[in-house]
Structure formats: structure tokens, C-alpha cells
Amino acid sequence: MSAGVALEWVVSSVERLRATAIQLEVPMSDGLYPEIEPYQTAFLERDGHRLYYELSGNPAGPTALFLHGGPGGGTSPRVRRFFDPARYRIVLLDQRGSGKSIPNVSHDYEAALHNNTTAHLVDDIEALREAIKLDQWQLILGGSWGSTLALAYAEAHPERVAQLLLRG
């Protein structure tokens, strides 16, 4: 894919999503919200992978999903602090081969890469949405590789994403 075609695809994807600007109010001096613990942790079974995910914040609030970088990165407790826990139901997902998901690249590199493509990861996000009984992600925040994955998911399921926030 040429750079021009790729840029055209990104622009058309953003136009279809009707991107909206959001303002984040950040009360802490380090720019992050207070530390919180998840109220639920679980694994989602997918094609021989066990995908770790957790829920924290406001169970009745709009749902925000964080997609980490990598591939092979993973989430951390610090990521929960990117979102206002009084407002958002926060969902963290360790992608295939990453973080607390099993298998993991640091333990079994070959197994972690089995059935681990962008299409598989997009399907995993959709399966997670269904597993937590959600009609639409209110916000997907993607960092580095996670921003590419967020765009790929939004392209495949534009009706399932209200807002994207992409960094790196």
C-alpha cells in the first residue's frame, strides 16, 4: 500500500467515524487520575489464547477501552489513571501474546504468535465488546500500535465506536 493510499484510507476512516473533539479534565499534578483497582478481572478464550481483561472505574459510566502498544506490550495499573474513574467504565485488554494474556511472548514466543494477526485482534475487541454486553465503545484510546489497532477496529465496526483518541 502506498503512502498516498494509506493516507486516503485513514482520512476516509476518520470522516466515516464523524470524529469529535473531546476535552479531558485532569485534576492530578502529574496529569493522571488517582490510582484505582479493578472491580473485575477475567480471561476471554480465543483460538487457543486466553486474553486478560479488566474492568475498573464507574460500572454505570460510558465505556472506555485502552489498546496498548507493541505488539507484545501490555497494560499496567498506570493506564487506569488515564481516565476519570468517576465518569468512565474503564476496560483494559492485554492483546494476544502480551501482558497477562496466555501464551505470552516472554514465556512462549512461538505459541504467542500463533493466530496472532491484526484481523484476529480486531475480532478479539469485538468479542470482548460482546462478552461485556456493550452496544458501543464510547471511547477507544490507542497508543502506538494500539492506535493502529483502534483504527482497524473502527474501520471494521464503525457503528461500534463513538470516539477515538489516538496517540503515538
N, C-alpha and C. Protein backbone atom coordinates (compact mmCIF):
# COMPACT_ATOMS: atom_id res chain seq x y z
N MET A 1 0.85 -1.17 0.00
CA MET A 1 0.00 0.00 0.00
C MET A 1 0.90 1.23 0.00
N SER A 2 0.66 2.13 -0.92
CA SER A 2 1.48 3.34 -0.99
C SER A 2 1.08 4.31 0.11
N ALA A 3 1.96 5.26 0.41
CA ALA A 3 1.68 6.24 1.46
C ALA A 3 0.44 7.04 1.13
N GLY A 4 0.25 7.38 -0.16
CA GLY A 4 -0.93 8.15 -0.57
C GLY A 4 -2.22 7.37 -0.33
N VAL A 5 -2.20 6.09 -0.69
CA VAL A 5 -3.38 5.24 -0.48
C VAL A 5 -3.65 5.07 1.01
N ALA A 6 -2.59 4.86 1.79
CA ALA A 6 -2.75 4.70 3.24
C ALA A 6 -3.33 5.96 3.86
N LEU A 7 -2.84 7.13 3.45
CA LEU A 7 -3.36 8.38 3.99
C LEU A 7 -4.81 8.57 3.59
N GLU A 8 -5.15 8.24 2.35
CA GLU A 8 -6.54 8.35 1.90
C GLU A 8 -7.44 7.44 2.73
N TRP A 9 -6.97 6.22 3.05
CA TRP A 9 -7.74 5.28 3.86
C TRP A 9 -7.98 5.85 5.25
N VAL A 10 -6.95 6.41 5.87
CA VAL A 10 -7.08 6.99 7.21
C VAL A 10 -8.05 8.15 7.19
N VAL A 11 -7.93 9.04 6.21
CA VAL A 11 -8.83 10.20 6.12
C VAL A 11 -10.26 9.74 5.94
N SER A 12 -10.50 8.77 5.05
CA SER A 12 -11.87 8.30 4.84
C SER A 12 -12.41 7.61 6.08
N SER A 13 -11.54 6.89 6.79
CA SER A 13 -11.98 6.23 8.03
C SER A 13 -12.40 7.25 9.07
N VAL A 14 -11.60 8.29 9.21
CA VAL A 14 -11.91 9.32 10.19
C VAL A 14 -13.19 10.04 9.81
N GLU A 15 -13.37 10.34 8.53
CA GLU A 15 -14.60 11.01 8.09
C GLU A 15 -15.82 10.15 8.40
N ARG A 16 -15.71 8.84 8.16
CA ARG A 16 -16.85 7.96 8.43
C ARG A 16 -17.17 7.89 9.92
N LEU A 17 -16.18 8.03 10.74
CA LEU A 17 -16.41 7.97 12.18
C LEU A 17 -17.00 9.26 12.74
N ARG A 18 -17.03 10.31 11.90
CA ARG A 18 -17.52 11.61 12.36
C ARG A 18 -16.78 11.99 13.65
N ALA A 19 -15.48 12.04 13.53
CA ALA A 19 -14.61 12.30 14.69
C ALA A 19 -15.06 13.54 15.44
N THR A 20 -15.04 13.44 16.75
CA THR A 20 -15.42 14.56 17.60
C THR A 20 -14.28 14.91 18.53
N ALA A 21 -14.18 16.17 18.85
CA ALA A 21 -13.16 16.61 19.80
C ALA A 21 -13.69 16.43 21.21
N ILE A 22 -12.83 16.00 22.10
CA ILE A 22 -13.24 15.88 23.50
C ILE A 22 -12.23 16.62 24.36
N GLN A 23 -12.71 17.10 25.48
CA GLN A 23 -11.83 17.79 26.42
C GLN A 23 -11.72 16.92 27.66
N LEU A 24 -10.50 16.64 28.06
CA LEU A 24 -10.26 15.84 29.25
C LEU A 24 -9.87 16.76 30.39
N GLU A 25 -10.56 16.64 31.50
CA GLU A 25 -10.19 17.41 32.69
C GLU A 25 -9.31 16.52 33.54
N VAL A 26 -8.10 16.98 33.83
CA VAL A 26 -7.12 16.18 34.55
C VAL A 26 -6.77 16.88 35.86
N PRO A 27 -7.26 16.35 36.99
CA PRO A 27 -7.10 17.04 38.26
C PRO A 27 -5.76 16.82 38.98
N MET A 28 -4.99 15.80 38.65
CA MET A 28 -3.79 15.48 39.40
C MET A 28 -2.59 16.28 38.88
N SER A 29 -1.64 16.58 39.76
CA SER A 29 -0.47 17.36 39.36
C SER A 29 0.41 16.62 38.35
N ASP A 30 0.39 15.28 38.35
CA ASP A 30 1.18 14.54 37.37
C ASP A 30 0.39 14.30 36.08
N GLY A 31 -0.79 14.89 35.99
CA GLY A 31 -1.60 14.75 34.79
C GLY A 31 -2.44 13.50 34.73
N LEU A 32 -2.45 12.71 35.80
CA LEU A 32 -3.21 11.47 35.80
C LEU A 32 -4.22 11.46 36.95
N TYR A 33 -5.24 10.63 36.80
CA TYR A 33 -6.25 10.47 37.85
C TYR A 33 -5.69 9.59 38.97
N PRO A 34 -6.39 9.53 40.11
CA PRO A 34 -5.92 8.72 41.24
C PRO A 34 -5.83 7.23 40.89
N GLU A 35 -4.99 6.52 41.62
CA GLU A 35 -4.87 5.08 41.45
C GLU A 35 -6.16 4.40 41.88
N ILE A 36 -6.56 3.39 41.12
CA ILE A 36 -7.75 2.60 41.44
C ILE A 36 -7.43 1.13 41.16
N GLU A 37 -8.25 0.26 41.71
CA GLU A 37 -8.13 -1.17 41.48
C GLU A 37 -9.29 -1.63 40.60
N PRO A 38 -9.10 -2.67 39.81
CA PRO A 38 -10.22 -3.18 39.01
C PRO A 38 -11.27 -3.83 39.91
N TYR A 39 -12.51 -3.75 39.49
CA TYR A 39 -13.57 -4.46 40.21
C TYR A 39 -13.86 -5.81 39.58
N GLN A 40 -13.29 -6.05 38.39
CA GLN A 40 -13.44 -7.36 37.75
C GLN A 40 -12.21 -7.63 36.88
N THR A 41 -11.69 -8.85 36.98
CA THR A 41 -10.65 -9.32 36.05
C THR A 41 -11.11 -10.66 35.51
N ALA A 42 -10.77 -10.93 34.26
CA ALA A 42 -11.22 -12.18 33.64
C ALA A 42 -10.34 -12.49 32.43
N PHE A 43 -10.58 -13.66 31.87
CA PHE A 43 -9.91 -14.07 30.64
C PHE A 43 -10.97 -14.40 29.60
N LEU A 44 -10.70 -14.02 28.37
CA LEU A 44 -11.56 -14.32 27.23
C LEU A 44 -10.85 -15.38 26.40
N GLU A 45 -11.50 -16.52 26.18
CA GLU A 45 -10.91 -17.63 25.42
C GLU A 45 -11.09 -17.39 23.93
N ARG A 46 -9.95 -17.38 23.19
CA ARG A 46 -10.00 -17.09 21.75
C ARG A 46 -8.92 -17.87 21.01
N ASP A 47 -9.31 -18.86 20.20
CA ASP A 47 -8.38 -19.56 19.31
C ASP A 47 -7.11 -20.05 20.00
N GLY A 48 -7.21 -20.64 21.16
CA GLY A 48 -6.04 -21.12 21.87
C GLY A 48 -5.32 -20.05 22.69
N HIS A 49 -5.86 -18.87 22.73
CA HIS A 49 -5.31 -17.78 23.54
C HIS A 49 -6.29 -17.47 24.67
N ARG A 50 -5.74 -17.11 25.82
CA ARG A 50 -6.54 -16.62 26.95
C ARG A 50 -6.19 -15.15 27.12
N LEU A 51 -7.14 -14.28 26.77
CA LEU A 51 -6.90 -12.84 26.77
C LEU A 51 -7.33 -12.23 28.09
N TYR A 52 -6.38 -11.62 28.79
CA TYR A 52 -6.67 -10.97 30.06
C TYR A 52 -7.35 -9.64 29.79
N TYR A 53 -8.42 -9.38 30.58
CA TYR A 53 -9.02 -8.04 30.56
C TYR A 53 -9.50 -7.71 31.96
N GLU A 54 -9.67 -6.42 32.18
CA GLU A 54 -10.15 -5.97 33.48
C GLU A 54 -11.07 -4.78 33.31
N LEU A 55 -11.96 -4.62 34.29
CA LEU A 55 -12.90 -3.50 34.34
C LEU A 55 -12.65 -2.73 35.63
N SER A 56 -12.65 -1.41 35.51
CA SER A 56 -12.50 -0.55 36.69
C SER A 56 -13.29 0.73 36.46
N GLY A 57 -13.29 1.59 37.46
CA GLY A 57 -14.00 2.86 37.33
C GLY A 57 -15.48 2.74 37.64
N ASN A 58 -16.29 3.51 36.93
CA ASN A 58 -17.73 3.60 37.15
C ASN A 58 -18.46 2.53 36.33
N PRO A 59 -19.01 1.49 36.97
CA PRO A 59 -19.68 0.43 36.22
C PRO A 59 -20.86 0.91 35.38
N ALA A 60 -21.45 2.05 35.75
CA ALA A 60 -22.60 2.58 35.02
C ALA A 60 -22.20 3.67 34.01
N GLY A 61 -20.93 4.00 33.95
CA GLY A 61 -20.48 5.09 33.08
C GLY A 61 -20.27 4.65 31.64
N PRO A 62 -20.03 5.62 30.76
CA PRO A 62 -19.69 5.28 29.38
C PRO A 62 -18.38 4.48 29.37
N THR A 63 -18.28 3.52 28.45
CA THR A 63 -17.17 2.59 28.47
C THR A 63 -16.01 3.07 27.60
N ALA A 64 -14.82 3.10 28.20
CA ALA A 64 -13.59 3.48 27.52
C ALA A 64 -12.66 2.27 27.48
N LEU A 65 -12.15 1.97 26.30
CA LEU A 65 -11.22 0.86 26.10
C LEU A 65 -9.83 1.41 25.81
N PHE A 66 -8.81 0.85 26.47
CA PHE A 66 -7.43 1.21 26.18
C PHE A 66 -6.78 0.09 25.40
N LEU A 67 -6.15 0.43 24.26
CA LEU A 67 -5.40 -0.53 23.45
C LEU A 67 -3.92 -0.17 23.52
N HIS A 68 -3.12 -1.05 24.10
CA HIS A 68 -1.70 -0.79 24.33
C HIS A 68 -0.87 -0.93 23.06
N GLY A 69 0.36 -0.48 23.17
CA GLY A 69 1.32 -0.60 22.08
C GLY A 69 1.94 -1.98 22.02
N GLY A 70 2.87 -2.09 21.15
CA GLY A 70 3.55 -3.36 20.96
C GLY A 70 3.75 -3.59 19.47
N PRO A 71 3.29 -4.69 18.95
CA PRO A 71 2.74 -5.83 19.66
C PRO A 71 3.71 -6.39 20.71
N GLY A 72 3.12 -7.00 21.72
CA GLY A 72 3.91 -7.57 22.80
C GLY A 72 3.98 -6.70 24.03
N GLY A 73 3.36 -5.52 23.99
CA GLY A 73 3.41 -4.60 25.12
C GLY A 73 2.65 -5.13 26.32
N GLY A 74 1.50 -4.60 26.56
CA GLY A 74 0.68 -4.99 27.69
C GLY A 74 0.21 -3.77 28.45
N THR A 75 -0.79 -3.95 29.26
CA THR A 75 -1.32 -2.86 30.07
C THR A 75 -0.60 -2.83 31.41
N SER A 76 -0.88 -1.79 32.18
CA SER A 76 -0.32 -1.66 33.52
C SER A 76 -1.33 -0.89 34.37
N PRO A 77 -1.21 -0.97 35.70
CA PRO A 77 -2.12 -0.22 36.56
C PRO A 77 -2.12 1.29 36.26
N ARG A 78 -1.00 1.80 35.79
CA ARG A 78 -0.90 3.23 35.48
C ARG A 78 -1.91 3.65 34.41
N VAL A 79 -2.21 2.76 33.47
CA VAL A 79 -3.11 3.07 32.37
C VAL A 79 -4.51 3.41 32.88
N ARG A 80 -4.94 2.78 33.97
CA ARG A 80 -6.25 3.10 34.54
C ARG A 80 -6.35 4.58 34.86
N ARG A 81 -5.22 5.19 35.18
CA ARG A 81 -5.18 6.59 35.61
C ARG A 81 -5.35 7.57 34.45
N PHE A 82 -5.40 7.08 33.21
CA PHE A 82 -5.62 7.94 32.05
C PHE A 82 -7.07 8.43 31.98
N PHE A 83 -7.97 7.75 32.68
CA PHE A 83 -9.41 8.02 32.59
C PHE A 83 -9.96 8.46 33.94
N ASP A 84 -10.98 9.30 33.90
CA ASP A 84 -11.67 9.72 35.12
C ASP A 84 -12.50 8.54 35.63
N PRO A 85 -12.12 7.92 36.76
CA PRO A 85 -12.83 6.73 37.23
C PRO A 85 -14.24 7.02 37.72
N ALA A 86 -14.54 8.27 38.04
CA ALA A 86 -15.90 8.62 38.44
C ALA A 86 -16.82 8.68 37.22
N ARG A 87 -16.24 8.91 36.06
CA ARG A 87 -17.04 9.05 34.84
C ARG A 87 -17.07 7.77 34.01
N TYR A 88 -15.93 7.16 33.76
CA TYR A 88 -15.83 6.06 32.79
C TYR A 88 -15.79 4.68 33.42
N ARG A 89 -16.41 3.73 32.73
CA ARG A 89 -16.14 2.31 32.96
C ARG A 89 -14.91 2.02 32.10
N ILE A 90 -13.81 1.67 32.73
CA ILE A 90 -12.52 1.55 32.07
C ILE A 90 -12.24 0.07 31.78
N VAL A 91 -11.92 -0.23 30.53
CA VAL A 91 -11.61 -1.59 30.12
C VAL A 91 -10.18 -1.63 29.61
N LEU A 92 -9.37 -2.49 30.23
CA LEU A 92 -8.01 -2.74 29.77
C LEU A 92 -7.95 -4.15 29.21
N LEU A 93 -7.32 -4.31 28.06
CA LEU A 93 -7.19 -5.61 27.40
C LEU A 93 -5.72 -5.85 27.09
N ASP A 94 -5.21 -6.99 27.52
CA ASP A 94 -3.88 -7.42 27.09
C ASP A 94 -4.08 -8.24 25.81
N GLN A 95 -3.58 -7.72 24.70
CA GLN A 95 -3.75 -8.37 23.41
C GLN A 95 -3.04 -9.73 23.38
N ARG A 96 -3.33 -10.51 22.36
CA ARG A 96 -2.69 -11.83 22.19
C ARG A 96 -1.18 -11.71 22.33
N GLY A 97 -0.61 -12.59 23.13
CA GLY A 97 0.84 -12.64 23.29
C GLY A 97 1.41 -11.56 24.19
N SER A 98 0.56 -10.80 24.87
CA SER A 98 1.01 -9.62 25.62
C SER A 98 0.56 -9.65 27.07
N GLY A 99 1.32 -8.97 27.91
CA GLY A 99 0.92 -8.76 29.30
C GLY A 99 0.56 -10.04 30.03
N LYS A 100 -0.64 -10.06 30.61
CA LYS A 100 -1.10 -11.22 31.38
C LYS A 100 -1.83 -12.24 30.52
N SER A 101 -1.96 -11.98 29.22
CA SER A 101 -2.60 -12.95 28.34
C SER A 101 -1.68 -14.16 28.15
N ILE A 102 -2.30 -15.30 27.86
CA ILE A 102 -1.58 -16.57 27.76
C ILE A 102 -1.89 -17.20 26.40
N PRO A 103 -0.92 -17.69 25.64
CA PRO A 103 0.51 -17.62 25.89
C PRO A 103 1.04 -16.21 25.72
N ASN A 104 2.22 -15.99 26.26
CA ASN A 104 2.84 -14.66 26.30
C ASN A 104 4.19 -14.74 25.60
N VAL A 105 4.56 -13.69 24.87
CA VAL A 105 5.83 -13.71 24.12
C VAL A 105 7.04 -13.92 25.02
N SER A 106 6.97 -13.49 26.26
CA SER A 106 8.13 -13.67 27.15
C SER A 106 8.26 -15.10 27.65
N HIS A 107 7.19 -15.90 27.54
CA HIS A 107 7.23 -17.29 28.02
C HIS A 107 7.26 -18.30 26.88
N ASP A 108 6.51 -18.05 25.81
CA ASP A 108 6.43 -18.99 24.69
C ASP A 108 6.20 -18.19 23.41
N TYR A 109 7.28 -17.69 22.86
CA TYR A 109 7.23 -16.78 21.72
C TYR A 109 6.45 -17.38 20.54
N GLU A 110 6.76 -18.63 20.19
CA GLU A 110 6.13 -19.26 19.03
C GLU A 110 4.62 -19.41 19.23
N ALA A 111 4.20 -19.91 20.39
CA ALA A 111 2.77 -20.08 20.66
C ALA A 111 2.05 -18.74 20.71
N ALA A 112 2.72 -17.71 21.23
CA ALA A 112 2.10 -16.39 21.34
C ALA A 112 1.81 -15.79 19.97
N LEU A 113 2.59 -16.17 18.96
CA LEU A 113 2.39 -15.63 17.61
C LEU A 113 1.38 -16.42 16.79
N HIS A 114 0.99 -17.61 17.26
CA HIS A 114 0.01 -18.44 16.55
C HIS A 114 -1.35 -17.74 16.55
N ASN A 115 -1.98 -17.65 15.39
CA ASN A 115 -3.28 -16.97 15.26
C ASN A 115 -3.23 -15.56 15.83
N ASN A 116 -2.17 -14.84 15.54
CA ASN A 116 -1.99 -13.50 16.10
C ASN A 116 -1.75 -12.51 14.95
N THR A 117 -2.85 -12.10 14.32
CA THR A 117 -2.80 -11.14 13.22
C THR A 117 -3.68 -9.95 13.57
N THR A 118 -3.59 -8.91 12.79
CA THR A 118 -4.45 -7.74 13.01
C THR A 118 -5.91 -8.15 12.96
N ALA A 119 -6.28 -8.99 11.99
CA ALA A 119 -7.67 -9.45 11.89
C ALA A 119 -8.11 -10.19 13.15
N HIS A 120 -7.23 -11.04 13.70
CA HIS A 120 -7.56 -11.74 14.95
C HIS A 120 -7.77 -10.73 16.08
N LEU A 121 -6.91 -9.73 16.17
CA LEU A 121 -7.01 -8.74 17.25
C LEU A 121 -8.28 -7.91 17.12
N VAL A 122 -8.65 -7.54 15.90
CA VAL A 122 -9.91 -6.81 15.68
C VAL A 122 -11.08 -7.68 16.13
N ASP A 123 -11.06 -8.96 15.76
CA ASP A 123 -12.11 -9.88 16.20
C ASP A 123 -12.14 -10.02 17.72
N ASP A 124 -10.97 -10.00 18.36
CA ASP A 124 -10.91 -10.08 19.82
C ASP A 124 -11.59 -8.89 20.48
N ILE A 125 -11.37 -7.70 19.94
CA ILE A 125 -12.01 -6.50 20.51
C ILE A 125 -13.52 -6.62 20.38
N GLU A 126 -13.99 -7.11 19.25
CA GLU A 126 -15.43 -7.28 19.05
C GLU A 126 -15.97 -8.35 20.01
N ALA A 127 -15.23 -9.45 20.19
CA ALA A 127 -15.66 -10.50 21.12
C ALA A 127 -15.69 -9.97 22.56
N LEU A 128 -14.74 -9.13 22.91
CA LEU A 128 -14.73 -8.53 24.25
C LEU A 128 -15.94 -7.63 24.42
N ARG A 129 -16.25 -6.83 23.41
CA ARG A 129 -17.43 -5.95 23.49
C ARG A 129 -18.68 -6.79 23.75
N GLU A 130 -18.81 -7.89 23.03
CA GLU A 130 -19.96 -8.77 23.22
C GLU A 130 -19.93 -9.42 24.60
N ALA A 131 -18.76 -9.84 25.06
CA ALA A 131 -18.64 -10.52 26.36
C ALA A 131 -19.05 -9.62 27.52
N ILE A 132 -18.77 -8.33 27.41
CA ILE A 132 -19.16 -7.42 28.50
C ILE A 132 -20.52 -6.77 28.24
N LYS A 133 -21.21 -7.29 27.21
CA LYS A 133 -22.59 -6.88 26.89
C LYS A 133 -22.70 -5.37 26.65
N LEU A 134 -21.90 -4.91 25.71
CA LEU A 134 -21.82 -3.49 25.39
C LEU A 134 -22.29 -3.26 23.96
N ASP A 135 -23.14 -2.26 23.76
CA ASP A 135 -23.58 -1.92 22.40
C ASP A 135 -22.49 -1.19 21.62
N GLN A 136 -21.79 -0.27 22.29
CA GLN A 136 -20.82 0.58 21.60
C GLN A 136 -19.75 1.04 22.57
N TRP A 137 -18.49 1.06 22.10
CA TRP A 137 -17.42 1.67 22.87
C TRP A 137 -17.61 3.18 22.79
N GLN A 138 -17.74 3.84 23.92
CA GLN A 138 -17.86 5.30 23.91
C GLN A 138 -16.54 5.94 23.49
N LEU A 139 -15.43 5.37 23.96
CA LEU A 139 -14.11 5.91 23.65
C LEU A 139 -13.12 4.77 23.55
N ILE A 140 -12.31 4.78 22.50
CA ILE A 140 -11.17 3.88 22.41
C ILE A 140 -9.93 4.75 22.37
N LEU A 141 -9.04 4.54 23.34
CA LEU A 141 -7.75 5.23 23.39
C LEU A 141 -6.69 4.23 22.96
N GLY A 142 -6.00 4.55 21.87
CA GLY A 142 -4.94 3.69 21.38
C GLY A 142 -3.60 4.38 21.46
N GLY A 143 -2.59 3.66 21.93
CA GLY A 143 -1.24 4.19 21.99
C GLY A 143 -0.31 3.38 21.10
N SER A 144 0.45 4.05 20.25
CA SER A 144 1.43 3.41 19.37
C SER A 144 0.72 2.37 18.51
N TRP A 145 1.12 1.09 18.59
CA TRP A 145 0.43 0.04 17.83
C TRP A 145 -1.06 0.04 18.16
N GLY A 146 -1.42 0.36 19.39
CA GLY A 146 -2.83 0.39 19.78
C GLY A 146 -3.63 1.40 18.99
N SER A 147 -3.01 2.50 18.53
CA SER A 147 -3.74 3.47 17.71
C SER A 147 -4.03 2.88 16.33
N THR A 148 -3.08 2.12 15.78
CA THR A 148 -3.32 1.44 14.51
C THR A 148 -4.43 0.41 14.66
N LEU A 149 -4.39 -0.34 15.75
CA LEU A 149 -5.41 -1.35 16.01
C LEU A 149 -6.77 -0.70 16.22
N ALA A 150 -6.82 0.43 16.91
CA ALA A 150 -8.09 1.15 17.10
C ALA A 150 -8.67 1.57 15.76
N LEU A 151 -7.84 2.08 14.86
CA LEU A 151 -8.31 2.46 13.52
C LEU A 151 -8.81 1.25 12.75
N ALA A 152 -8.09 0.13 12.83
CA ALA A 152 -8.52 -1.08 12.13
C ALA A 152 -9.86 -1.57 12.67
N TYR A 153 -10.04 -1.52 13.99
CA TYR A 153 -11.32 -1.93 14.59
C TYR A 153 -12.43 -0.98 14.14
N ALA A 154 -12.17 0.32 14.18
CA ALA A 154 -13.19 1.31 13.79
C ALA A 154 -13.56 1.18 12.32
N GLU A 155 -12.60 0.83 11.49
CA GLU A 155 -12.87 0.61 10.06
C GLU A 155 -13.79 -0.60 9.88
N ALA A 156 -13.54 -1.66 10.65
CA ALA A 156 -14.33 -2.89 10.54
C ALA A 156 -15.70 -2.76 11.21
N HIS A 157 -15.79 -1.95 12.27
CA HIS A 157 -17.03 -1.85 13.06
C HIS A 157 -17.34 -0.38 13.39
N PRO A 158 -17.56 0.47 12.39
CA PRO A 158 -17.75 1.90 12.67
C PRO A 158 -18.96 2.19 13.56
N GLU A 159 -19.97 1.35 13.51
CA GLU A 159 -21.16 1.55 14.33
C GLU A 159 -20.92 1.22 15.80
N ARG A 160 -19.79 0.61 16.11
CA ARG A 160 -19.47 0.19 17.48
C ARG A 160 -18.52 1.13 18.20
N VAL A 161 -18.14 2.25 17.55
CA VAL A 161 -17.19 3.19 18.14
C VAL A 161 -17.77 4.60 18.07
N ALA A 162 -17.88 5.27 19.22
CA ALA A 162 -18.33 6.66 19.22
C ALA A 162 -17.16 7.62 19.03
N GLN A 163 -16.04 7.37 19.72
CA GLN A 163 -14.90 8.29 19.68
C GLN A 163 -13.58 7.52 19.72
N LEU A 164 -12.61 8.04 18.99
CA LEU A 164 -11.24 7.52 19.05
C LEU A 164 -10.33 8.61 19.56
N LEU A 165 -9.38 8.23 20.39
CA LEU A 165 -8.32 9.12 20.83
C LEU A 165 -7.02 8.37 20.57
N LEU A 166 -6.22 8.88 19.63
CA LEU A 166 -5.03 8.17 19.17
C LEU A 166 -3.79 8.95 19.53
N ARG A 167 -2.78 8.23 20.01
CA ARG A 167 -1.51 8.88 20.35
C ARG A 167 -0.36 7.99 19.90
N GLY A 168 0.72 8.64 19.48
CA GLY A 168 1.94 7.91 19.10
C GLY A 168 1.80 7.16 17.87
